[in-house]
Amino acid sequence: MLSDSIPQRAETLQVLRLMGNFEPILMLTGDDEGYGSRWTLSGQQIQPAIARYLMESGFIADTGKTEFGAKTLTLTETGSRFREKGLNWWAELSFLQKLKVMLLG
C-alpha cells in the first residue's frame, strides 16, 4: 500500500501512469521577475507539490534540456518500480476505496 505522505495520491499516480517509460515532465524554471517554476506533462500543468515530491524522492531525474531551455524529467529506475507498485495498489482497491482516495487525497 502507498504511504499517506504522497500528495494527492490519485493525481500523483495519474501523473506516473501518463509518464510511462517514455513521456517526460517538462520543468520550466522560474525567473527573477517572481514567476516560479512550472511543471507540465503533455501540455497539462502538474501541481508543484506532486512534482517536488517526485523529484525529492528520486522518482524522476533531470535528463537534459529541450531546445527551448525546459528541463526534461524522466522516471528513474526507482520511479519505474514506484509506478508499478502504485498501479498494482490501485488495481486492488474497490470502487469505493478509489472514490475515497480521489476525493480525500
N, C-alpha and C. Protein backbone atom coordinates (compact mmCIF):
# COMPACT_ATOMS: atom_id res chain seq x y z
N MET A 1 0.84 -1.18 0.00
CA MET A 1 0.00 0.00 0.00
C MET A 1 0.89 1.25 0.00
N LEU A 2 0.43 2.28 -0.68
CA LEU A 2 1.21 3.51 -0.76
C LEU A 2 1.03 4.34 0.50
N SER A 3 2.03 5.10 0.81
CA SER A 3 2.05 5.93 2.00
C SER A 3 1.08 7.09 1.90
N ASP A 4 0.55 7.50 3.05
CA ASP A 4 -0.33 8.67 3.11
C ASP A 4 0.45 9.97 2.93
N SER A 5 1.79 9.92 2.94
CA SER A 5 2.59 11.13 2.77
C SER A 5 2.67 11.57 1.31
N ILE A 6 2.17 10.75 0.41
CA ILE A 6 2.18 11.08 -1.02
C ILE A 6 1.11 12.14 -1.27
N PRO A 7 1.47 13.28 -1.85
CA PRO A 7 0.47 14.31 -2.09
C PRO A 7 -0.53 13.89 -3.16
N GLN A 8 -1.81 14.09 -2.89
CA GLN A 8 -2.86 13.78 -3.86
C GLN A 8 -2.58 12.45 -4.57
N ARG A 9 -2.68 11.36 -3.80
CA ARG A 9 -2.26 10.04 -4.30
C ARG A 9 -2.83 9.69 -5.66
N ALA A 10 -4.12 9.91 -5.88
CA ALA A 10 -4.72 9.55 -7.17
C ALA A 10 -4.12 10.38 -8.30
N GLU A 11 -3.92 11.67 -8.07
CA GLU A 11 -3.36 12.53 -9.10
C GLU A 11 -1.88 12.22 -9.34
N THR A 12 -1.14 11.91 -8.27
CA THR A 12 0.26 11.52 -8.41
C THR A 12 0.36 10.25 -9.25
N LEU A 13 -0.50 9.29 -8.97
CA LEU A 13 -0.49 8.05 -9.73
C LEU A 13 -0.87 8.31 -11.19
N GLN A 14 -1.80 9.22 -11.42
CA GLN A 14 -2.17 9.56 -12.80
C GLN A 14 -0.98 10.16 -13.54
N VAL A 15 -0.21 11.01 -12.88
CA VAL A 15 0.99 11.59 -13.50
C VAL A 15 1.96 10.46 -13.86
N LEU A 16 2.19 9.55 -12.94
CA LEU A 16 3.11 8.44 -13.20
C LEU A 16 2.59 7.55 -14.32
N ARG A 17 1.29 7.32 -14.34
CA ARG A 17 0.69 6.49 -15.38
C ARG A 17 0.89 7.15 -16.75
N LEU A 18 0.66 8.46 -16.83
CA LEU A 18 0.81 9.17 -18.10
C LEU A 18 2.26 9.24 -18.55
N MET A 19 3.17 9.33 -17.60
CA MET A 19 4.59 9.37 -17.95
C MET A 19 5.04 8.07 -18.59
N GLY A 20 4.58 6.97 -18.04
CA GLY A 20 5.06 5.68 -18.52
C GLY A 20 6.58 5.67 -18.50
N ASN A 21 7.15 5.00 -19.45
CA ASN A 21 8.61 4.97 -19.54
C ASN A 21 9.16 5.94 -20.57
N PHE A 22 8.26 6.70 -21.24
CA PHE A 22 8.72 7.49 -22.37
C PHE A 22 8.35 8.97 -22.34
N GLU A 23 7.32 9.37 -21.65
CA GLU A 23 6.86 10.76 -21.67
C GLU A 23 7.49 11.54 -20.51
N PRO A 24 8.32 12.54 -20.80
CA PRO A 24 8.95 13.29 -19.71
C PRO A 24 8.06 14.41 -19.17
N ILE A 25 8.35 14.79 -17.96
CA ILE A 25 7.79 16.02 -17.40
C ILE A 25 8.73 17.13 -17.83
N LEU A 26 8.17 18.25 -18.24
CA LEU A 26 8.99 19.41 -18.57
C LEU A 26 8.95 20.38 -17.41
N MET A 27 10.12 20.82 -17.00
CA MET A 27 10.23 21.79 -15.91
C MET A 27 10.67 23.12 -16.50
N LEU A 28 9.79 24.09 -16.43
CA LEU A 28 10.08 25.44 -16.89
C LEU A 28 10.50 26.23 -15.67
N THR A 29 11.77 26.54 -15.59
CA THR A 29 12.29 27.19 -14.38
C THR A 29 11.78 28.61 -14.25
N GLY A 30 11.69 29.06 -13.01
CA GLY A 30 11.23 30.41 -12.71
C GLY A 30 12.26 31.45 -13.13
N ASP A 31 11.85 32.70 -13.03
CA ASP A 31 12.77 33.77 -13.40
C ASP A 31 12.86 34.80 -12.28
N ASP A 32 13.64 35.81 -12.51
CA ASP A 32 13.87 36.84 -11.50
C ASP A 32 12.68 37.77 -11.30
N GLU A 33 11.68 37.70 -12.16
CA GLU A 33 10.53 38.59 -12.05
C GLU A 33 9.43 38.02 -11.15
N GLY A 34 9.73 36.95 -10.44
CA GLY A 34 8.78 36.42 -9.48
C GLY A 34 7.95 35.25 -9.96
N TYR A 35 8.16 34.81 -11.18
CA TYR A 35 7.42 33.65 -11.66
C TYR A 35 8.15 32.39 -11.22
N GLY A 36 7.43 31.50 -10.57
CA GLY A 36 8.04 30.28 -10.08
C GLY A 36 8.14 29.22 -11.16
N SER A 37 8.75 28.12 -10.83
CA SER A 37 8.88 27.02 -11.77
C SER A 37 7.52 26.41 -12.06
N ARG A 38 7.38 25.88 -13.26
CA ARG A 38 6.16 25.20 -13.69
C ARG A 38 6.56 23.84 -14.23
N TRP A 39 5.72 22.85 -13.98
CA TRP A 39 5.95 21.51 -14.47
C TRP A 39 4.76 21.12 -15.34
N THR A 40 5.05 20.54 -16.50
CA THR A 40 3.98 20.13 -17.40
C THR A 40 4.23 18.71 -17.90
N LEU A 41 3.14 18.05 -18.23
CA LEU A 41 3.18 16.71 -18.81
C LEU A 41 2.15 16.70 -19.92
N SER A 42 2.61 16.50 -21.13
CA SER A 42 1.73 16.52 -22.31
C SER A 42 0.93 17.82 -22.38
N GLY A 43 1.55 18.92 -22.00
CA GLY A 43 0.91 20.22 -22.08
C GLY A 43 0.03 20.60 -20.90
N GLN A 44 -0.18 19.67 -19.98
CA GLN A 44 -1.00 19.93 -18.80
C GLN A 44 -0.12 20.21 -17.60
N GLN A 45 -0.48 21.22 -16.84
CA GLN A 45 0.33 21.59 -15.68
C GLN A 45 0.18 20.54 -14.57
N ILE A 46 1.29 20.28 -13.90
CA ILE A 46 1.32 19.37 -12.76
C ILE A 46 1.43 20.21 -11.50
N GLN A 47 0.72 19.81 -10.46
CA GLN A 47 0.79 20.54 -9.20
C GLN A 47 2.23 20.54 -8.69
N PRO A 48 2.71 21.70 -8.23
CA PRO A 48 4.09 21.78 -7.72
C PRO A 48 4.39 20.78 -6.62
N ALA A 49 3.43 20.52 -5.72
CA ALA A 49 3.68 19.58 -4.63
C ALA A 49 3.96 18.18 -5.16
N ILE A 50 3.27 17.79 -6.21
CA ILE A 50 3.47 16.46 -6.80
C ILE A 50 4.84 16.41 -7.48
N ALA A 51 5.16 17.41 -8.28
CA ALA A 51 6.45 17.43 -8.98
C ALA A 51 7.61 17.44 -7.99
N ARG A 52 7.50 18.25 -6.96
CA ARG A 52 8.58 18.31 -5.96
C ARG A 52 8.72 16.98 -5.23
N TYR A 53 7.59 16.37 -4.87
CA TYR A 53 7.62 15.08 -4.19
C TYR A 53 8.35 14.05 -5.06
N LEU A 54 8.00 13.99 -6.35
CA LEU A 54 8.63 13.01 -7.24
C LEU A 54 10.13 13.28 -7.39
N MET A 55 10.51 14.55 -7.46
CA MET A 55 11.93 14.89 -7.59
C MET A 55 12.68 14.60 -6.30
N GLU A 56 12.15 15.05 -5.16
CA GLU A 56 12.84 14.88 -3.88
C GLU A 56 12.93 13.42 -3.46
N SER A 57 11.99 12.59 -3.93
CA SER A 57 12.00 11.17 -3.60
C SER A 57 12.90 10.36 -4.54
N GLY A 58 13.42 11.01 -5.57
CA GLY A 58 14.29 10.31 -6.51
C GLY A 58 13.53 9.49 -7.54
N PHE A 59 12.25 9.76 -7.73
CA PHE A 59 11.44 9.00 -8.69
C PHE A 59 11.57 9.55 -10.10
N ILE A 60 11.93 10.83 -10.23
CA ILE A 60 12.21 11.42 -11.53
C ILE A 60 13.54 12.17 -11.44
N ALA A 61 14.22 12.27 -12.57
CA ALA A 61 15.53 12.94 -12.58
C ALA A 61 15.69 13.75 -13.86
N ASP A 62 16.48 14.78 -13.76
CA ASP A 62 16.79 15.65 -14.90
C ASP A 62 17.60 14.87 -15.92
N THR A 63 17.13 14.85 -17.16
CA THR A 63 17.84 14.13 -18.21
C THR A 63 18.23 15.05 -19.37
N GLY A 64 18.28 16.34 -19.11
CA GLY A 64 18.71 17.28 -20.14
C GLY A 64 17.71 18.40 -20.34
N LYS A 65 17.97 19.20 -21.37
CA LYS A 65 17.10 20.33 -21.67
C LYS A 65 16.58 20.24 -23.09
N THR A 66 15.41 20.84 -23.28
CA THR A 66 14.87 20.94 -24.63
C THR A 66 15.54 22.09 -25.34
N GLU A 67 15.25 22.25 -26.62
CA GLU A 67 15.83 23.38 -27.37
C GLU A 67 15.31 24.72 -26.88
N PHE A 68 14.22 24.71 -26.08
CA PHE A 68 13.68 25.95 -25.52
C PHE A 68 14.14 26.20 -24.08
N GLY A 69 14.99 25.32 -23.56
CA GLY A 69 15.56 25.52 -22.24
C GLY A 69 14.80 24.86 -21.09
N ALA A 70 13.72 24.16 -21.38
CA ALA A 70 12.99 23.45 -20.32
C ALA A 70 13.75 22.18 -19.96
N LYS A 71 13.81 21.88 -18.67
CA LYS A 71 14.46 20.63 -18.23
C LYS A 71 13.49 19.48 -18.48
N THR A 72 14.04 18.36 -18.93
CA THR A 72 13.22 17.16 -19.08
C THR A 72 13.48 16.26 -17.88
N LEU A 73 12.42 15.79 -17.27
CA LEU A 73 12.49 14.92 -16.10
C LEU A 73 11.83 13.59 -16.46
N THR A 74 12.59 12.51 -16.34
CA THR A 74 12.05 11.20 -16.67
C THR A 74 12.12 10.29 -15.45
N LEU A 75 11.38 9.20 -15.54
CA LEU A 75 11.37 8.24 -14.44
C LEU A 75 12.74 7.61 -14.26
N THR A 76 13.14 7.48 -13.02
CA THR A 76 14.35 6.74 -12.68
C THR A 76 13.96 5.26 -12.55
N GLU A 77 14.93 4.43 -12.34
CA GLU A 77 14.63 3.01 -12.11
C GLU A 77 13.74 2.86 -10.87
N THR A 78 14.06 3.61 -9.83
CA THR A 78 13.25 3.60 -8.61
C THR A 78 11.84 4.12 -8.91
N GLY A 79 11.76 5.15 -9.74
CA GLY A 79 10.46 5.70 -10.12
C GLY A 79 9.62 4.70 -10.89
N SER A 80 10.25 3.92 -11.76
CA SER A 80 9.52 2.89 -12.51
C SER A 80 8.96 1.83 -11.58
N ARG A 81 9.75 1.44 -10.59
CA ARG A 81 9.26 0.46 -9.60
C ARG A 81 8.13 1.04 -8.77
N PHE A 82 8.27 2.32 -8.37
CA PHE A 82 7.24 3.00 -7.61
C PHE A 82 5.95 3.09 -8.42
N ARG A 83 6.08 3.37 -9.71
CA ARG A 83 4.92 3.44 -10.61
C ARG A 83 4.21 2.09 -10.66
N GLU A 84 4.97 1.02 -10.86
CA GLU A 84 4.37 -0.32 -10.91
C GLU A 84 3.68 -0.68 -9.60
N LYS A 85 4.33 -0.35 -8.49
CA LYS A 85 3.75 -0.62 -7.18
C LYS A 85 2.43 0.16 -7.03
N GLY A 86 2.42 1.41 -7.48
CA GLY A 86 1.22 2.22 -7.41
C GLY A 86 0.10 1.69 -8.27
N LEU A 87 0.43 1.25 -9.48
CA LEU A 87 -0.59 0.70 -10.37
C LEU A 87 -1.19 -0.57 -9.78
N ASN A 88 -0.35 -1.41 -9.19
CA ASN A 88 -0.84 -2.64 -8.55
C ASN A 88 -1.73 -2.30 -7.35
N TRP A 89 -1.31 -1.33 -6.54
CA TRP A 89 -2.10 -0.89 -5.40
C TRP A 89 -3.48 -0.41 -5.86
N TRP A 90 -3.49 0.42 -6.89
CA TRP A 90 -4.75 0.98 -7.40
C TRP A 90 -5.68 -0.13 -7.91
N ALA A 91 -5.12 -1.11 -8.59
CA ALA A 91 -5.90 -2.21 -9.14
C ALA A 91 -6.57 -3.04 -8.04
N GLU A 92 -5.96 -3.07 -6.86
CA GLU A 92 -6.51 -3.86 -5.76
C GLU A 92 -7.63 -3.15 -5.00
N LEU A 93 -7.77 -1.85 -5.20
CA LEU A 93 -8.80 -1.09 -4.48
C LEU A 93 -10.18 -1.33 -5.06
N SER A 94 -11.17 -1.29 -4.19
CA SER A 94 -12.56 -1.37 -4.65
C SER A 94 -12.97 -0.01 -5.21
N PHE A 95 -14.13 0.03 -5.84
CA PHE A 95 -14.63 1.29 -6.38
C PHE A 95 -14.76 2.35 -5.29
N LEU A 96 -15.31 1.97 -4.14
CA LEU A 96 -15.48 2.94 -3.06
C LEU A 96 -14.15 3.41 -2.48
N GLN A 97 -13.18 2.51 -2.39
CA GLN A 97 -11.86 2.91 -1.91
C GLN A 97 -11.21 3.89 -2.89
N LYS A 98 -11.35 3.62 -4.19
CA LYS A 98 -10.79 4.53 -5.20
C LYS A 98 -11.46 5.90 -5.10
N LEU A 99 -12.77 5.91 -4.93
CA LEU A 99 -13.50 7.16 -4.81
C LEU A 99 -13.03 7.95 -3.59
N LYS A 100 -12.83 7.27 -2.48
CA LYS A 100 -12.36 7.92 -1.26
C LYS A 100 -10.97 8.54 -1.48
N VAL A 101 -10.07 7.79 -2.13
CA VAL A 101 -8.73 8.31 -2.40
C VAL A 101 -8.81 9.52 -3.32
N MET A 102 -9.66 9.46 -4.32
CA MET A 102 -9.79 10.57 -5.26
C MET A 102 -10.35 11.82 -4.59
N LEU A 103 -11.29 11.64 -3.68
CA LEU A 103 -11.91 12.79 -3.03
C LEU A 103 -11.11 13.35 -1.86
N LEU A 104 -10.47 12.47 -1.11
CA LEU A 104 -9.78 12.89 0.10
C LEU A 104 -8.26 12.94 -0.04
N GLY A 105 -7.76 12.50 -1.15
CA GLY A 105 -6.31 12.55 -1.36
C GLY A 105 -5.73 11.23 -1.01
